[in-house]
């Protein structure tokens, strides 16, 4: 039997080792620190984890890495609709069958695993799920009269989506922790590409394995955490969650106390406090309801912290308010990183990042519900995009600095598009103010415009308003409307030297 961690010094050293282990793994898997932490929390608390997310988000690779980095027996399998129970639990022993006994050969199979990873878990048959239920709940595998205790520490399951079937939803409730995994954000794309290329060329950096005895000792220490002072606060949080219509089973609420205790242990405390209640967010098995719970419990969870589980704490307390603050900070930093006016390549990349950020803001918040700080940041971005990519410096300064595509002509500009292949992004034929990244609106570049005239040739440009013209003599209304197949631009310009016509 593994000896428990007796002294505070040994416990602190074990926690530091877990933190160093997570740091090594998170350097390899960009943007997956929270996922790795939640799997580690499940291992220490000996509870199961469910990961929901689209294909290609690194769920399987991250779980395989953390399983391989722990000195324990692992089993993983991709379940399909035609997977047979023997593929997971072992085939029947033919010699025993001759003697009239039903006994499977479990060597190297799920019943002997300490860490299990089951991909596409909800595609399993009824026979598979029924056998899994007993393993997950009671750590026992039974087939006929054959019964064996399993050494399972934690089972991590993955799926592209939660099932709509109520029976499968009841099975999903056996997984205490649920995390929704999204693709890596735009701000971490560079780190993702660098890490992926480094692994492809040099191989993954080796990670020192964690001792299975140490994980078991940490679990024993979890059971010694004093929970008396946090029970009332935990009950209050559960009551508030129920107000949103979320149903949490009694089994899940009781088991979740181990998560709170494990969070306190990894925080370096022997007494659980309100700052350790953040795992309750992961009890909810709905993306929308998780977001609602995070916002509802903002006051109760605002002081949550953990020096080891930093990513999962941030994700558990990241409601709309925190999301707006994060977007505002990103917008401010991006606006301050304005490239030099003569660096066209850097400016094009910067404008694409601004476009992406505007899309993220619009996807997260309705225009009339934008927080004040985020509204101001978005207005600043719109002003830059409407100016052809230049920071507002006054009309005269902008006109002087803007390049021209013919002698004396003011440029015909469009909102730079990631779908446009023009080498000169400020010389497009049209700037569609309300353009929605339609691939059909390809925005012809300057070389095409020089041949066909300054107008948008896309069949489905999303500019919906009447056009206006700016000539050398001032502003006047455009008479060629989009409905008649004429000018489709929002702003048109007339060359004072007469080398182009308005619209």
Protein backbone atom coordinates (compact mmCIF):
# COMPACT_ATOMS: atom_id res chain seq x y z
CA UNK A 1 0.00 0.00 0.00
CA UNK A 2 1.32 3.46 -0.92
CA UNK A 3 2.52 5.48 2.00
CA UNK A 4 0.69 8.78 2.42
CA UNK A 5 2.41 12.12 2.38
CA UNK A 6 2.91 12.70 6.09
CA UNK A 7 4.47 16.10 6.56
CA UNK A 8 3.64 19.51 5.21
CA UNK A 9 7.05 19.71 3.56
CA UNK A 10 6.48 16.48 1.61
CA UNK A 11 3.01 17.65 0.63
CA UNK A 12 4.36 20.99 -0.62
CA UNK A 13 7.02 19.20 -2.64
CA UNK A 14 4.39 16.93 -4.21
CA UNK A 15 2.23 19.92 -5.18
CA UNK A 16 5.24 21.65 -6.73
CA UNK A 17 6.01 18.52 -8.71
CA UNK A 18 2.45 18.45 -10.06
CA UNK A 19 2.76 22.11 -11.04
CA UNK A 20 6.08 21.51 -12.84
CA UNK A 21 4.52 18.54 -14.60
CA UNK A 22 1.62 20.65 -15.85
CA UNK A 23 3.99 23.41 -16.95
CA UNK A 24 5.95 20.94 -19.10
CA UNK A 25 2.81 19.55 -20.71
CA UNK A 26 1.17 22.95 -21.31
CA UNK A 27 4.30 24.15 -23.14
CA UNK A 28 3.68 21.36 -25.64
CA UNK A 29 -0.11 21.82 -25.90
CA UNK A 30 -0.77 25.51 -26.50
CA UNK A 31 -4.06 26.74 -25.09
CA UNK A 32 -4.79 23.44 -23.32
CA UNK A 33 -3.56 24.24 -19.83
CA UNK A 34 -7.11 24.19 -18.41
CA UNK A 35 -7.81 20.79 -20.00
CA UNK A 36 -4.61 19.28 -18.58
CA UNK A 37 -5.38 20.71 -15.15
CA UNK A 38 -8.90 19.32 -15.11
CA UNK A 39 -7.66 15.84 -16.02
CA UNK A 40 -5.06 16.09 -13.24
CA UNK A 41 -7.75 17.23 -10.80
CA UNK A 42 -9.84 14.21 -11.78
CA UNK A 43 -6.87 11.87 -11.22
CA UNK A 44 -6.15 13.24 -7.76
CA UNK A 45 -9.84 13.21 -6.75
CA UNK A 46 -10.35 9.84 -8.55
CA UNK A 47 -13.27 11.15 -10.55
CA UNK A 48 -14.09 11.03 -14.25
CA UNK A 49 -13.79 13.78 -16.86
CA UNK A 50 -15.86 14.40 -20.01
CA UNK A 51 -14.41 16.53 -22.84
CA UNK A 52 -16.77 17.95 -25.47
CA UNK A 53 -15.43 19.68 -28.55
CA UNK A 54 -15.07 19.56 -32.34
CA UNK A 55 -12.55 17.24 -33.99
CA UNK A 56 -8.97 18.42 -34.23
CA UNK A 57 -8.85 20.42 -31.01
CA UNK A 58 -6.23 18.20 -29.38
CA UNK A 59 -8.43 16.42 -26.86
CA UNK A 60 -7.03 12.97 -27.56
CA UNK A 61 -3.41 14.09 -27.87
CA UNK A 62 -3.50 16.00 -24.57
CA UNK A 63 -5.08 13.11 -22.67
CA UNK A 64 -2.64 10.61 -24.19
CA UNK A 65 0.27 12.83 -23.16
CA UNK A 66 -0.85 13.16 -19.55
CA UNK A 67 -1.60 9.42 -19.34
CA UNK A 68 1.83 8.54 -20.75
CA UNK A 69 3.51 10.91 -18.32
CA UNK A 70 2.14 9.11 -15.25
CA UNK A 71 3.63 5.83 -14.10
CA UNK A 72 0.33 3.95 -14.36
CA UNK A 73 -1.36 1.38 -16.60
CA UNK A 74 -3.31 3.12 -19.35
CA UNK A 75 -5.96 1.98 -21.81
CA UNK A 76 -7.45 3.96 -24.68
CA UNK A 77 -9.91 3.08 -27.40
CA UNK A 78 -11.88 4.80 -30.15
CA UNK A 79 -15.44 3.53 -29.85
CA UNK A 80 -17.63 3.11 -32.93
CA UNK A 81 -21.18 2.03 -33.53
CA UNK A 82 -20.07 -1.54 -34.20
CA UNK A 83 -17.55 -1.85 -31.36
CA UNK A 84 -18.06 -5.08 -29.45
CA UNK A 85 -17.72 -5.36 -25.66
CA UNK A 86 -14.83 -7.83 -26.05
CA UNK A 87 -12.75 -5.06 -27.67
CA UNK A 88 -12.83 -3.15 -24.38
CA UNK A 89 -13.28 -5.78 -21.69
CA UNK A 90 -11.54 -8.78 -23.23
CA UNK A 91 -12.63 -11.89 -25.13
CA UNK A 92 -13.92 -15.00 -23.41
CA UNK A 93 -11.40 -17.51 -22.10
CA UNK A 94 -12.05 -20.58 -24.26
CA UNK A 95 -10.46 -22.98 -21.76
CA UNK A 96 -12.74 -21.70 -19.01
CA UNK A 97 -15.69 -21.88 -21.38
CA UNK A 98 -15.01 -25.61 -21.89
CA UNK A 99 -15.41 -26.05 -18.14
CA UNK A 100 -18.73 -24.20 -18.18
CA UNK A 101 -17.36 -20.90 -16.84
CA UNK A 102 -17.77 -17.45 -18.39
CA UNK A 103 -14.50 -15.70 -17.73
CA UNK A 104 -13.02 -12.98 -19.99
CA UNK A 105 -9.31 -12.48 -20.56
CA UNK A 106 -8.86 -8.99 -19.09
CA UNK A 107 -5.09 -8.70 -19.39
CA UNK A 108 -4.21 -5.41 -21.09
CA UNK A 109 -7.87 -4.41 -21.31
CA UNK A 110 -10.02 -1.79 -19.62
CA UNK A 111 -10.76 -3.77 -16.40
CA UNK A 112 -7.03 -3.71 -15.54
CA UNK A 113 -6.38 -0.08 -16.49
CA UNK A 114 -5.65 2.67 -13.96
CA UNK A 115 -6.16 5.51 -16.44
CA UNK A 116 -8.66 5.08 -19.29
CA UNK A 117 -9.41 7.26 -22.30
CA UNK A 118 -12.50 6.44 -24.36
CA UNK A 119 -13.00 8.53 -27.49
CA UNK A 120 -16.50 8.97 -28.98
CA UNK A 121 -17.94 7.47 -25.82
CA UNK A 122 -21.60 7.96 -26.76
CA UNK A 123 -21.33 5.74 -29.85
CA UNK A 124 -21.03 2.66 -27.65
CA UNK A 125 -23.73 0.01 -27.61
CA UNK A 126 -26.04 -0.62 -24.67
CA UNK A 127 -23.95 -3.63 -23.61
CA UNK A 128 -20.79 -1.48 -23.50
CA UNK A 129 -22.41 1.40 -21.62
CA UNK A 130 -24.02 -0.91 -19.04
CA UNK A 131 -20.67 -2.54 -18.31
CA UNK A 132 -19.02 0.87 -18.12
CA UNK A 133 -21.58 2.13 -15.61
CA UNK A 134 -20.51 -0.43 -13.01
CA UNK A 135 -16.83 0.28 -13.63
CA UNK A 136 -17.30 4.04 -13.35
CA UNK A 137 -19.52 3.93 -10.26
CA UNK A 138 -18.27 0.97 -8.28
CA UNK A 139 -14.87 0.23 -9.85
CA UNK A 140 -16.14 -3.31 -10.55
CA UNK A 141 -16.38 -5.23 -13.82
CA UNK A 142 -18.91 -8.00 -13.96
CA UNK A 143 -19.85 -10.42 -16.70
CA UNK A 144 -22.18 -13.23 -15.74
CA UNK A 145 -20.82 -14.79 -12.55
CA UNK A 146 -17.38 -13.34 -13.18
CA UNK A 147 -16.63 -10.22 -11.12
CA UNK A 148 -13.36 -8.37 -10.54
CA UNK A 149 -12.36 -5.13 -8.83
CA UNK A 150 -10.76 -2.62 -11.18
CA UNK A 151 -7.85 -0.33 -10.19
CA UNK A 152 -9.29 2.56 -12.22
CA UNK A 153 -8.21 6.00 -10.97
CA UNK A 154 -9.99 8.10 -13.58
CA UNK A 155 -11.71 7.65 -16.92
CA UNK A 156 -11.50 10.48 -19.43
CA UNK A 157 -14.10 10.37 -22.20
CA UNK A 158 -14.40 12.56 -25.28
CA UNK A 159 -17.12 13.33 -27.77
CA UNK A 160 -17.84 15.90 -30.46
CA UNK A 161 -21.18 16.80 -28.87
CA UNK A 162 -23.44 15.93 -25.98
CA UNK A 163 -26.15 13.38 -26.79
CA UNK A 164 -29.79 14.34 -27.15
CA UNK A 165 -30.98 10.92 -25.96
CA UNK A 166 -32.10 11.08 -22.33
CA UNK A 167 -30.65 7.63 -21.63
CA UNK A 168 -27.23 8.70 -22.87
CA UNK A 169 -27.52 11.94 -20.90
CA UNK A 170 -28.05 9.86 -17.76
CA UNK A 171 -24.86 7.95 -18.60
CA UNK A 172 -23.00 11.25 -19.13
CA UNK A 173 -23.99 12.28 -15.61
CA UNK A 174 -21.51 9.68 -14.30
CA UNK A 175 -18.72 12.01 -15.42
CA UNK A 176 -18.31 14.53 -12.65
CA UNK A 177 -16.30 17.12 -14.59
CA UNK A 178 -17.31 18.43 -18.02
CA UNK A 179 -15.21 20.78 -20.12
CA UNK A 180 -16.10 22.24 -23.51
CA UNK A 181 -12.98 22.46 -25.67
CA UNK A 182 -12.73 25.14 -28.36
CA UNK A 183 -10.07 25.75 -31.03
CA UNK A 184 -7.07 27.80 -30.01
CA UNK A 185 -7.82 31.53 -30.06
CA UNK A 186 -6.39 33.97 -32.58
CA UNK A 187 -4.06 35.51 -30.02
CA UNK A 188 -2.28 32.16 -29.53
CA UNK A 189 -2.11 31.03 -33.16
CA UNK A 190 1.55 31.94 -33.46
CA UNK A 191 2.47 29.92 -30.38
CA UNK A 192 0.41 26.99 -31.67
CA UNK A 193 2.17 26.95 -35.05
CA UNK A 194 5.63 27.27 -33.50
CA UNK A 195 4.94 24.45 -31.03
CA UNK A 196 3.51 22.22 -33.75
CA UNK A 197 6.49 22.76 -36.04
CA UNK A 198 8.92 22.17 -33.17
CA UNK A 199 7.25 18.85 -32.37
CA UNK A 200 7.25 17.84 -36.04
CA UNK A 201 10.93 18.61 -36.59
CA UNK A 202 12.51 17.86 -33.22
CA UNK A 203 9.96 15.62 -31.55
CA UNK A 204 8.07 16.26 -28.34
CA UNK A 205 10.23 17.20 -25.39
CA UNK A 206 10.34 14.38 -22.83
CA UNK A 207 8.33 14.91 -19.64
CA UNK A 208 9.48 13.31 -16.42
CA UNK A 209 6.77 10.88 -15.30
CA UNK A 210 4.81 11.38 -12.10
CA UNK A 211 5.02 8.55 -9.61
CA UNK A 212 1.76 6.68 -9.22
CA UNK A 213 2.42 6.43 -5.48
CA UNK A 214 2.60 10.22 -5.24
CA UNK A 215 -0.78 10.60 -6.99
CA UNK A 216 -2.25 8.07 -4.56
CA UNK A 217 -0.72 9.93 -1.62
CA UNK A 218 -2.25 13.19 -2.82
CA UNK A 219 -5.64 11.46 -3.00
CA UNK A 220 -5.25 10.32 0.62
CA UNK A 221 -4.39 13.89 1.58
CA UNK A 222 -7.55 15.12 -0.17
CA UNK A 223 -9.66 12.96 2.13
CA UNK A 224 -8.06 14.65 5.15
CA UNK A 225 -8.97 18.21 4.08
CA UNK A 226 -11.23 20.05 6.55
CA UNK A 227 -14.46 20.88 4.70
CA UNK A 228 -16.52 22.09 7.68
CA UNK A 229 -16.04 25.79 7.00
CA UNK A 230 -17.15 25.69 3.37
CA UNK A 231 -20.23 23.44 3.46
CA UNK A 232 -22.70 26.30 3.95
CA UNK A 233 -21.11 28.36 1.18
CA UNK A 234 -21.20 25.32 -1.10
CA UNK A 235 -24.90 24.79 -0.37
CA UNK A 236 -25.58 28.46 -1.14
CA UNK A 237 -23.82 28.16 -4.50
CA UNK A 238 -25.83 25.05 -5.37
CA UNK A 239 -29.09 26.84 -4.55
CA UNK A 240 -28.15 29.68 -6.90
CA UNK A 241 -27.28 27.22 -9.66
CA UNK A 242 -30.68 25.59 -9.32
CA UNK A 243 -32.31 28.99 -9.90
CA UNK A 244 -31.07 28.85 -13.52
CA UNK A 245 -32.94 25.59 -14.09
CA UNK A 246 -29.81 23.42 -13.99
CA UNK A 247 -30.42 19.98 -12.50
CA UNK A 248 -27.54 18.53 -10.49
CA UNK A 249 -28.00 15.03 -9.11
CA UNK A 250 -27.44 14.32 -5.43
CA UNK A 251 -24.70 11.89 -6.39
CA UNK A 252 -22.85 14.61 -8.29
CA UNK A 253 -23.23 17.19 -5.50
CA UNK A 254 -21.83 14.80 -2.89
CA UNK A 255 -18.89 13.71 -5.03
CA UNK A 256 -18.07 17.30 -5.96
CA UNK A 257 -16.87 17.88 -2.40
CA UNK A 258 -13.78 15.89 -3.32
CA UNK A 259 -13.08 18.38 -6.09
CA UNK A 260 -13.30 21.29 -3.65
CA UNK A 261 -10.98 19.46 -1.26
CA UNK A 262 -8.51 18.68 -4.05
CA UNK A 263 -8.53 22.33 -5.11
CA UNK A 264 -7.72 23.34 -1.53
CA UNK A 265 -4.91 20.78 -1.38
CA UNK A 266 -3.30 22.02 -4.58
CA UNK A 267 -3.66 25.57 -3.25
CA UNK A 268 -1.43 24.47 -0.37
CA UNK A 269 -4.14 24.58 2.33
CA UNK A 270 -5.45 22.00 4.74
CA UNK A 271 -8.80 23.80 5.18
CA UNK A 272 -11.12 24.41 2.24
CA UNK A 273 -12.45 27.93 1.75
CA UNK A 274 -14.76 29.87 -0.59
CA UNK A 275 -11.83 30.37 -2.97
CA UNK A 276 -11.94 26.61 -3.67
CA UNK A 277 -15.56 26.42 -4.86
CA UNK A 278 -14.79 27.13 -8.52
CA UNK A 279 -14.98 23.41 -9.63
CA UNK A 280 -18.78 23.55 -9.29
CA UNK A 281 -18.88 25.29 -12.68
CA UNK A 282 -17.66 22.10 -14.34
CA UNK A 283 -20.52 20.08 -12.85
CA UNK A 284 -22.89 21.62 -15.41
CA UNK A 285 -23.12 19.63 -18.67
CA UNK A 286 -24.34 22.34 -21.00
CA UNK A 287 -22.24 25.05 -22.64
CA UNK A 288 -24.93 27.72 -22.39
CA UNK A 289 -25.75 26.82 -18.80
CA UNK A 290 -22.09 26.84 -17.86
CA UNK A 291 -21.82 30.41 -19.15
CA UNK A 292 -24.96 31.40 -17.23
CA UNK A 293 -23.61 29.81 -14.04
CA UNK A 294 -20.26 31.57 -14.38
CA UNK A 295 -22.01 34.92 -14.65
CA UNK A 296 -24.50 34.13 -11.89
CA UNK A 297 -21.75 33.11 -9.45
CA UNK A 298 -19.51 36.05 -10.25
CA UNK A 299 -19.71 37.42 -6.69
CA UNK A 300 -19.15 34.05 -5.04
CA UNK A 301 -16.26 33.00 -7.29
CA UNK A 302 -14.51 36.32 -7.86
CA UNK A 303 -11.86 35.54 -5.23
CA UNK A 304 -11.11 32.06 -6.55
CA UNK A 305 -7.43 31.36 -7.07
CA UNK A 306 -5.05 28.44 -7.26
CA UNK A 307 -1.32 28.67 -8.03
CA UNK A 308 -1.33 25.23 -9.70
CA UNK A 309 -4.70 25.14 -11.48
CA UNK A 310 -4.52 28.64 -12.94
CA UNK A 311 -6.09 27.84 -16.32
CA UNK A 312 -9.06 25.88 -15.04
CA UNK A 313 -9.80 28.54 -12.39
CA UNK A 314 -9.77 31.27 -15.02
CA UNK A 315 -12.06 29.27 -17.30
CA UNK A 316 -14.44 28.39 -14.45
CA UNK A 317 -14.90 32.06 -13.49
CA UNK A 318 -14.83 33.47 -17.03
CA UNK A 319 -18.32 34.83 -17.55
CA UNK A 320 -19.54 37.52 -19.98
CA UNK A 321 -18.17 40.29 -17.76
CA UNK A 322 -14.71 38.75 -17.74
CA UNK A 323 -15.00 38.02 -21.47
CA UNK A 324 -15.79 41.67 -22.19
CA UNK A 325 -12.84 42.78 -20.07
CA UNK A 326 -10.56 40.35 -21.91
CA UNK A 327 -11.74 41.54 -25.33
CA UNK A 328 -11.29 45.15 -24.26
CA UNK A 329 -7.73 44.45 -23.12
CA UNK A 330 -6.98 42.70 -26.40
CA UNK A 331 -8.43 45.57 -28.40
CA UNK A 332 -6.43 48.14 -26.44
CA UNK A 333 -3.19 46.23 -26.92
CA UNK A 334 -3.87 45.74 -30.62
CA UNK A 335 -4.69 49.41 -31.17
CA UNK A 336 -1.45 50.42 -29.46
CA UNK A 337 0.51 48.09 -31.77
CA UNK A 338 -0.15 50.24 -34.86
CA UNK A 339 2.59 49.42 -37.42
CA UNK A 340 4.55 51.99 -39.38
CA UNK A 341 2.74 53.55 -42.33
CA UNK A 342 5.38 52.39 -44.84
CA UNK A 343 5.28 48.74 -43.74
CA UNK A 344 2.50 47.37 -45.94
CA UNK A 345 2.97 43.73 -44.90
CA UNK A 346 2.80 44.46 -41.18
CA UNK A 347 -0.17 46.77 -41.68
CA UNK A 348 -2.08 44.12 -43.66
CA UNK A 349 -1.51 41.56 -40.88
CA UNK A 350 -2.55 44.12 -38.27
CA UNK A 351 -5.76 44.96 -40.14
CA UNK A 352 -6.66 41.29 -40.46
CA UNK A 353 -6.25 40.92 -36.67
CA UNK A 354 -8.52 43.94 -36.16
CA UNK A 355 -11.11 42.41 -38.50
CA UNK A 356 -10.95 39.13 -36.56
CA UNK A 357 -11.35 40.90 -33.24
CA UNK A 358 -14.41 42.80 -34.48
CA UNK A 359 -15.92 39.48 -35.57
CA UNK A 360 -15.29 38.01 -32.12
CA UNK A 361 -16.86 41.03 -30.42
CA UNK A 362 -19.95 40.89 -32.64
CA UNK A 363 -20.29 37.15 -32.06
CA UNK A 364 -20.11 37.53 -28.27
CA UNK A 365 -22.29 40.61 -27.72
CA UNK A 366 -25.25 42.26 -29.40
CA UNK A 367 -24.49 45.80 -30.54
CA UNK A 368 -26.95 47.34 -28.07
CA UNK A 369 -25.56 45.30 -25.16
CA UNK A 370 -21.88 46.13 -25.51
CA UNK A 371 -20.23 47.23 -22.24
CA UNK A 372 -19.10 50.85 -22.37
CA UNK A 373 -15.35 50.15 -22.48
CA UNK A 374 -15.74 47.53 -25.18
CA UNK A 375 -18.06 49.82 -27.14
CA UNK A 376 -15.39 52.52 -27.17
CA UNK A 377 -12.71 50.06 -28.24
CA UNK A 378 -14.88 48.76 -31.06
CA UNK A 379 -15.61 52.30 -32.22
CA UNK A 380 -11.86 52.97 -32.39
CA UNK A 381 -11.35 49.85 -34.49
CA UNK A 382 -14.20 50.84 -36.82
CA UNK A 383 -12.64 54.28 -37.26
CA UNK A 384 -9.35 52.71 -38.33
CA UNK A 385 -10.97 50.23 -40.69
CA UNK A 386 -13.10 52.95 -42.23
CA UNK A 387 -9.93 54.99 -42.77
CA UNK A 388 -8.32 52.30 -44.89
CA UNK A 389 -6.16 51.02 -42.06
CA UNK A 390 -4.78 54.30 -40.76
CA UNK A 391 -5.19 55.66 -37.28
CA UNK A 392 -7.41 58.79 -37.24
CA UNK A 393 -5.11 61.78 -37.72
CA UNK A 394 -7.42 64.31 -39.31
CA UNK A 395 -8.72 64.49 -42.85
CA UNK A 396 -5.77 66.44 -44.25
CA UNK A 397 -3.13 64.17 -42.77
CA UNK A 398 -4.88 61.04 -43.95
CA UNK A 399 -5.38 62.36 -47.47
CA UNK A 400 -1.71 63.35 -47.73
CA UNK A 401 -0.46 60.01 -46.52
CA UNK A 402 -2.78 57.86 -48.63
CA UNK A 403 -1.14 56.37 -51.77
CA UNK A 404 -2.74 56.93 -55.17
CA UNK A 405 -3.21 54.49 -58.01
CA UNK A 406 -3.14 57.13 -60.71
CA UNK A 407 -1.68 60.61 -60.90
CA UNK A 408 -3.51 62.98 -58.62
CA UNK A 409 -6.26 60.49 -57.78
CA UNK A 410 -7.52 59.79 -54.36
CA UNK A 411 -7.47 56.04 -53.75
CA UNK A 412 -10.46 53.81 -54.06
CA UNK A 413 -10.38 51.89 -50.81
CA UNK A 414 -11.99 48.86 -49.31
CA UNK A 415 -11.99 47.26 -45.94
CA UNK A 416 -8.99 44.88 -46.22
CA UNK A 417 -10.04 41.30 -46.60
CA UNK A 418 -8.23 38.09 -45.74
CA UNK A 419 -9.83 36.61 -48.88
CA UNK A 420 -8.30 39.23 -51.18
CA UNK A 421 -5.01 38.42 -52.87
CA UNK A 422 -4.18 41.99 -53.84
CA UNK A 423 -0.54 42.97 -53.20
CA UNK A 424 -1.76 46.49 -52.39
CA UNK A 425 -4.65 46.14 -49.93
CA UNK A 426 -5.50 49.86 -49.94
CA UNK A 427 -6.15 49.90 -53.70
CA UNK A 428 -9.23 47.71 -53.80
CA UNK A 429 -12.26 48.70 -55.77
CA UNK A 430 -14.68 49.14 -52.90
CA UNK A 431 -14.87 49.43 -49.15
CA UNK A 432 -18.06 47.67 -48.04
CA UNK A 433 -18.88 49.18 -44.69
CA UNK A 434 -21.05 46.29 -43.57
CA UNK A 435 -19.14 43.54 -45.40
CA UNK A 436 -19.56 40.16 -43.66
CA UNK A 437 -16.57 38.18 -45.02
CA UNK A 438 -18.63 36.59 -47.77
CA UNK A 439 -16.38 34.45 -49.94
CA UNK A 440 -18.51 35.43 -52.93
CA UNK A 441 -17.46 39.05 -52.44
CA UNK A 442 -13.85 38.69 -53.50
CA UNK A 443 -13.08 42.42 -53.86
CA UNK A 444 -11.06 42.81 -57.06
CA UNK A 445 -7.58 44.26 -56.68
CA UNK A 446 -6.00 47.33 -58.25
CA UNK A 447 -4.82 45.58 -61.42
CA UNK A 448 -8.39 44.55 -62.24
CA UNK A 449 -9.72 47.94 -61.24
CA UNK A 450 -7.36 49.69 -63.65
CA UNK A 451 -8.95 47.77 -66.52
CA UNK A 452 -12.59 47.76 -65.56
CA UNK A 453 -12.98 51.01 -63.71
CA UNK A 454 -13.43 51.76 -60.01
CA UNK A 455 -16.32 49.54 -59.06
CA UNK A 456 -16.88 46.32 -57.21
CA UNK A 457 -17.29 43.36 -59.55
CA UNK A 458 -18.48 40.88 -56.94
CA UNK A 459 -21.91 39.42 -57.50
CA UNK A 460 -22.91 39.44 -53.84
CA UNK A 461 -21.42 42.44 -52.14
CA UNK A 462 -23.14 43.13 -48.83
CA UNK A 463 -23.12 46.91 -49.08
CA UNK A 464 -26.80 47.68 -48.70
CA UNK A 465 -26.92 51.48 -48.70
CA UNK A 466 -26.90 54.01 -51.49
CA UNK A 467 -23.48 55.09 -52.63
CA UNK A 468 -22.02 58.54 -52.23
CA UNK A 469 -19.28 60.17 -54.30
CA UNK A 470 -16.43 62.45 -53.35
CA UNK A 471 -15.13 64.59 -56.17
CA UNK A 472 -12.54 67.31 -56.29
CA UNK A 473 -15.31 69.87 -55.96
CA UNK A 474 -16.95 68.29 -52.95
CA UNK A 475 -19.52 65.66 -52.08
CA UNK A 476 -22.47 64.72 -54.22
CA UNK A 477 -25.02 61.93 -54.44
CA UNK A 478 -24.25 58.97 -56.67
CA UNK A 479 -26.92 58.35 -59.33
CA UNK A 480 -25.86 54.80 -60.21
CA UNK A 481 -27.41 52.55 -57.60
CA UNK A 482 -26.54 48.99 -56.78
CA UNK A 483 -30.05 47.78 -57.71
CA UNK A 484 -29.48 48.91 -61.28
CA UNK A 485 -26.18 47.02 -61.49
CA UNK A 486 -24.05 50.16 -61.36
CA UNK A 487 -21.72 51.40 -58.65
CA UNK A 488 -21.62 49.13 -55.60
CA UNK A 489 -19.14 51.01 -53.48
CA UNK A 490 -19.85 52.96 -50.36
CA UNK A 491 -17.36 55.73 -51.10
CA UNK A 492 -16.34 56.69 -54.67
CA UNK A 493 -13.70 59.21 -55.65
CA UNK A 494 -13.13 61.41 -58.69
CA UNK A 495 -9.59 62.10 -59.90
CA UNK A 496 -9.08 65.87 -60.18
CA UNK A 497 -6.96 65.29 -63.31
CA UNK A 498 -9.85 63.60 -65.06
CA UNK A 499 -8.18 60.21 -65.45
CA UNK A 500 -11.18 58.46 -63.84
CA UNK A 501 -14.86 59.16 -63.64
CA UNK A 502 -16.96 59.13 -60.54
CA UNK A 503 -18.28 55.64 -60.00
